Amino acid sequence: MGKIMAKANVNVRIDSHIKELATKLLHRMGLDQTTAIEMFYRQIIAERRLPFQPVVASTLDEQIAAAAIKNNPKC
């Protein structure tokens, strides 16, 4: 007979619009939020890292400089 796993709650604060969009997409995939979050946690455990690569967003100054170089490669 299988082992009964204790359940725990995870409480997070997230932008309501982000939650709404993600919930709709998850529903289209046949998933609820609980299942998706458990899948995310299981993937973290399996890979022993985040299942995606976080990147540092460019500052406005960096974006302007990159655009200037792209538009005038002689700089």
Protein backbone atom coordinates (compact mmCIF):
# COMPACT_ATOMS: atom_id res chain seq x y z
CA MET A 1 0.00 0.00 0.00
CA GLY A 2 1.27 3.52 -0.84
CA LYS A 3 2.64 5.94 1.69
CA ILE A 4 0.24 8.75 2.63
CA MET A 5 1.97 12.10 2.12
CA ALA A 6 1.26 14.99 4.46
CA LYS A 7 0.14 18.13 2.65
CA ALA A 8 1.39 21.67 3.34
CA ASN A 9 0.16 25.08 2.23
CA VAL A 10 2.22 27.59 0.28
CA ASN A 11 1.05 31.18 0.62
CA VAL A 12 2.39 33.69 -1.89
CA ARG A 13 1.46 37.19 -2.95
CA ILE A 14 1.35 37.70 -6.69
CA ASP A 15 0.02 40.35 -9.03
CA SER A 16 -3.68 39.55 -9.59
CA HIS A 17 -3.41 40.03 -13.37
CA ILE A 18 -0.49 37.58 -13.59
CA LYS A 19 -2.44 35.05 -11.54
CA GLU A 20 -5.52 35.45 -13.73
CA LEU A 21 -3.58 35.00 -16.98
CA ALA A 22 -1.64 32.00 -15.68
CA THR A 23 -4.77 30.37 -14.26
CA LYS A 24 -6.54 30.66 -17.62
CA LEU A 25 -3.56 29.15 -19.46
CA LEU A 26 -3.20 26.36 -16.90
CA HIS A 27 -6.90 25.55 -17.28
CA ARG A 28 -6.41 25.23 -21.05
CA MET A 29 -3.59 22.77 -20.30
CA GLY A 30 -5.87 20.78 -18.02
CA LEU A 31 -4.00 21.85 -14.88
CA ASP A 32 -4.98 23.66 -11.73
CA GLN A 33 -2.69 25.99 -9.80
CA THR A 34 -1.91 23.43 -7.12
CA THR A 35 -0.80 20.83 -9.65
CA ALA A 36 1.28 23.36 -11.61
CA ILE A 37 3.07 24.60 -8.49
CA GLU A 38 3.73 21.03 -7.33
CA MET A 39 5.15 20.25 -10.80
CA PHE A 40 7.38 23.32 -10.53
CA TYR A 41 8.68 22.25 -7.11
CA ARG A 42 9.26 18.67 -8.29
CA GLN A 43 11.26 19.96 -11.26
CA ILE A 44 13.40 22.09 -8.93
CA ILE A 45 14.12 18.97 -6.87
CA ALA A 46 14.83 16.81 -9.93
CA GLU A 47 17.20 19.33 -11.53
CA ARG A 48 18.52 20.76 -8.25
CA ARG A 49 18.09 24.23 -9.75
CA LEU A 50 15.37 26.45 -11.17
CA PRO A 51 13.90 24.88 -14.31
CA PHE A 52 14.65 28.08 -16.24
CA GLN A 53 17.53 30.52 -16.45
CA PRO A 54 16.82 33.85 -14.72
CA VAL A 55 18.37 36.84 -16.47
CA VAL A 56 19.07 40.35 -15.33
CA ALA A 57 16.84 42.84 -17.13
CA SER A 58 18.65 45.61 -18.96
CA THR A 59 18.42 49.11 -17.54
CA LEU A 60 16.93 51.85 -19.68
CA ASP A 61 20.43 53.29 -20.23
CA GLU A 62 21.69 49.89 -21.44
CA GLN A 63 18.73 49.53 -23.80
CA ILE A 64 19.34 53.01 -25.25
CA ALA A 65 23.05 52.30 -25.72
CA ALA A 66 22.30 48.96 -27.45
CA ALA A 67 19.75 50.62 -29.73
CA ALA A 68 22.24 53.36 -30.64
CA ILE A 69 24.88 50.78 -31.59
CA LYS A 70 22.38 48.72 -33.57
CA ASN A 71 21.16 51.77 -35.49
CA ASN A 72 24.67 53.16 -36.09
CA PRO A 73 27.21 50.33 -36.19
CA LYS A 74 30.08 52.77 -36.88
CA CYS A 75 29.96 53.99 -33.25
